[in-house]
Amino acid sequence: MPFTAKIHGKDTSREIIAACDNEILGKILIDRKKEVEFKVSKEFYGSECFEWEEIADSISNGRNVNLVGNNIVELAIKSGLIDPKSVIEIDGVKHAQIYSL
């Protein structure tokens, strides 16, 4: 299953790996209870497709990670890269972040 991803600030201390499920790219997630609007934009998440193994390798070696989508977040949990307790949902879609200080 391919995913969309982009690396911002590659090879710097401010590197961010952004990846999402392909089917939500370009959508706006809205949670009216929390008054949150979250845009899954091509500008941030990119337009290149990658397989999970490639993304998992980047996450393992990355400093900061932003994942959105039920499939990609579930794979990150199953791979031990994300604690399920740190996952939030916006409009029924899972979102997780990893930060290295």
C-alpha atoms as a PDB file:
ATOM      1  CA  MET A   1       0.000   0.000   0.000  1.00  0.00           C
ATOM      2  CA  PRO A   2       1.674   3.248  -1.072  1.00  0.00           C
ATOM      3  CA  PHE A   3       1.663   6.436   0.979  1.00  0.00           C
ATOM      4  CA  THR A   4       2.501  10.055   0.185  1.00  0.00           C
ATOM      5  CA  ALA A   5       5.502  11.623   1.926  1.00  0.00           C
ATOM      6  CA  LYS A   6       7.847  14.580   1.921  1.00  0.00           C
ATOM      7  CA  ILE A   7      10.980  15.382   3.908  1.00  0.00           C
ATOM      8  CA  HIS A   8      11.356  19.035   4.909  1.00  0.00           C
ATOM      9  CA  GLY A   9      14.774  20.443   5.862  1.00  0.00           C
ATOM     10  CA  LYS A  10      16.516  17.234   4.876  1.00  0.00           C
ATOM     11  CA  ASP A  11      19.779  16.511   6.703  1.00  0.00           C
ATOM     12  CA  THR A  12      19.291  19.364   9.173  1.00  0.00           C
ATOM     13  CA  SER A  13      18.420  19.415  12.848  1.00  0.00           C
ATOM     14  CA  ARG A  14      14.984  20.735  11.856  1.00  0.00           C
ATOM     15  CA  GLU A  15      14.166  17.834   9.508  1.00  0.00           C
ATOM     16  CA  ILE A  16      10.475  16.885   9.408  1.00  0.00           C
ATOM     17  CA  ILE A  17       9.164  13.734   7.769  1.00  0.00           C
ATOM     18  CA  ALA A  18       5.533  14.234   6.753  1.00  0.00           C
ATOM     19  CA  ALA A  19       3.546  11.236   5.485  1.00  0.00           C
ATOM     20  CA  CYS A  20      -0.115  10.417   4.950  1.00  0.00           C
ATOM     21  CA  ASP A  21      -2.532   7.898   3.499  1.00  0.00           C
ATOM     22  CA  ASN A  22      -2.938   8.647  -0.208  1.00  0.00           C
ATOM     23  CA  GLU A  23      -6.734   8.784  -0.085  1.00  0.00           C
ATOM     24  CA  ILE A  24      -6.832  11.723   2.338  1.00  0.00           C
ATOM     25  CA  LEU A  25      -4.269  13.905   0.542  1.00  0.00           C
ATOM     26  CA  GLY A  26      -5.868  17.239  -0.307  1.00  0.00           C
ATOM     27  CA  LYS A  27      -8.751  16.807   2.142  1.00  0.00           C
ATOM     28  CA  ILE A  28      -9.707  19.047   5.039  1.00  0.00           C
ATOM     29  CA  LEU A  29     -10.487  17.230   8.291  1.00  0.00           C
ATOM     30  CA  ILE A  30     -12.898  19.043  10.574  1.00  0.00           C
ATOM     31  CA  ASP A  31     -13.603  18.304  14.243  1.00  0.00           C
ATOM     32  CA  ARG A  32     -16.403  20.634  15.237  1.00  0.00           C
ATOM     33  CA  LYS A  33     -16.296  19.640  18.935  1.00  0.00           C
ATOM     34  CA  LYS A  34     -12.644  20.630  19.284  1.00  0.00           C
ATOM     35  CA  GLU A  35     -12.952  23.458  16.739  1.00  0.00           C
ATOM     36  CA  VAL A  36     -10.090  22.004  14.700  1.00  0.00           C
ATOM     37  CA  GLU A  37      -9.625  22.238  10.953  1.00  0.00           C
ATOM     38  CA  PHE A  38      -6.709  20.221   9.590  1.00  0.00           C
ATOM     39  CA  LYS A  39      -5.689  20.422   5.930  1.00  0.00           C
ATOM     40  CA  VAL A  40      -3.799  17.443   4.520  1.00  0.00           C
ATOM     41  CA  SER A  41      -2.036  19.535   1.882  1.00  0.00           C
ATOM     42  CA  LYS A  42       0.260  18.522  -0.961  1.00  0.00           C
ATOM     43  CA  GLU A  43       2.517  21.413   0.041  1.00  0.00           C
ATOM     44  CA  PHE A  44       3.265  19.783   3.395  1.00  0.00           C
ATOM     45  CA  TYR A  45       2.744  16.050   2.754  1.00  0.00           C
ATOM     46  CA  GLY A  46       4.181  16.113  -0.769  1.00  0.00           C
ATOM     47  CA  SER A  47       3.190  14.267  -3.901  1.00  0.00           C
ATOM     48  CA  GLU A  48       5.668  11.373  -4.075  1.00  0.00           C
ATOM     49  CA  CYS A  49       4.444   7.855  -3.331  1.00  0.00           C
ATOM     50  CA  PHE A  50       6.421   5.482  -1.133  1.00  0.00           C
ATOM     51  CA  GLU A  51       5.899   1.996   0.239  1.00  0.00           C
ATOM     52  CA  TRP A  52       5.615   1.547   4.011  1.00  0.00           C
ATOM     53  CA  GLU A  53       9.102   0.029   4.310  1.00  0.00           C
ATOM     54  CA  GLU A  54      10.706   3.178   2.865  1.00  0.00           C
ATOM     55  CA  ILE A  55       8.717   5.449   5.167  1.00  0.00           C
ATOM     56  CA  ALA A  56       9.384   3.250   8.229  1.00  0.00           C
ATOM     57  CA  ASP A  57      13.117   3.490   7.550  1.00  0.00           C
ATOM     58  CA  SER A  58      12.902   7.298   7.327  1.00  0.00           C
ATOM     59  CA  ILE A  59      10.848   7.450  10.540  1.00  0.00           C
ATOM     60  CA  SER A  60      13.359   5.252  12.379  1.00  0.00           C
ATOM     61  CA  ASN A  61      16.184   7.583  11.388  1.00  0.00           C
ATOM     62  CA  GLY A  62      14.226  10.850  11.489  1.00  0.00           C
ATOM     63  CA  ARG A  63      14.146  13.544  14.118  1.00  0.00           C
ATOM     64  CA  ASN A  64      10.599  14.851  13.726  1.00  0.00           C
ATOM     65  CA  VAL A  65       7.678  13.026  12.170  1.00  0.00           C
ATOM     66  CA  ASN A  66       4.115  13.988  11.283  1.00  0.00           C
ATOM     67  CA  LEU A  67       1.760  11.170  10.225  1.00  0.00           C
ATOM     68  CA  VAL A  68      -1.916  11.399   9.305  1.00  0.00           C
ATOM     69  CA  GLY A  69      -4.197   8.602   8.144  1.00  0.00           C
ATOM     70  CA  ASN A  70      -5.614   5.498   9.744  1.00  0.00           C
ATOM     71  CA  ASN A  71      -3.469   3.086   7.693  1.00  0.00           C
ATOM     72  CA  ILE A  72      -0.101   4.767   8.134  1.00  0.00           C
ATOM     73  CA  VAL A  73      -0.608   5.424  11.851  1.00  0.00           C
ATOM     74  CA  GLU A  74      -1.714   1.810  12.457  1.00  0.00           C
ATOM     75  CA  LEU A  75       1.402   0.528  10.667  1.00  0.00           C
ATOM     76  CA  ALA A  76       3.582   2.850  12.770  1.00  0.00           C
ATOM     77  CA  ILE A  77       1.940   1.505  15.939  1.00  0.00           C
ATOM     78  CA  LYS A  78       2.344  -2.143  14.857  1.00  0.00           C
ATOM     79  CA  SER A  79       6.001  -1.453  14.017  1.00  0.00           C
ATOM     80  CA  GLY A  80       6.609  -0.014  17.492  1.00  0.00           C
ATOM     81  CA  LEU A  81       7.423   3.451  16.136  1.00  0.00           C
ATOM     82  CA  ILE A  82       4.488   5.198  17.846  1.00  0.00           C
ATOM     83  CA  ASP A  83       2.795   4.650  21.187  1.00  0.00           C
ATOM     84  CA  PRO A  84      -0.962   4.242  20.583  1.00  0.00           C
ATOM     85  CA  LYS A  85      -1.611   6.496  23.595  1.00  0.00           C
ATOM     86  CA  SER A  86      -0.068   9.416  21.715  1.00  0.00           C
ATOM     87  CA  VAL A  87      -2.456   9.176  18.752  1.00  0.00           C
ATOM     88  CA  ILE A  88      -5.295  11.645  18.344  1.00  0.00           C
ATOM     89  CA  GLU A  89      -8.224  11.590  15.947  1.00  0.00           C
ATOM     90  CA  ILE A  90      -9.490  14.442  13.840  1.00  0.00           C
ATOM     91  CA  ASP A  91     -12.761  13.804  12.005  1.00  0.00           C
ATOM     92  CA  GLY A  92     -12.245  10.035  12.509  1.00  0.00           C
ATOM     93  CA  VAL A  93      -8.713  10.102  11.046  1.00  0.00           C
ATOM     94  CA  LYS A  94      -5.671   9.188  13.158  1.00  0.00           C
ATOM     95  CA  HIS A  95      -2.840  11.673  13.579  1.00  0.00           C
ATOM     96  CA  ALA A  96       0.494  11.235  15.344  1.00  0.00           C
ATOM     97  CA  GLN A  97       3.682  13.205  15.783  1.00  0.00           C
ATOM     98  CA  ILE A  98       7.160  12.319  16.977  1.00  0.00           C
ATOM     99  CA  TYR A  99       9.562  15.025  18.151  1.00  0.00           C
ATOM    100  CA  SER A 100      13.215  14.733  19.024  1.00  0.00           C
ATOM    101  CA  LEU A 101      14.533  17.522  21.190  1.00  0.00           C
END
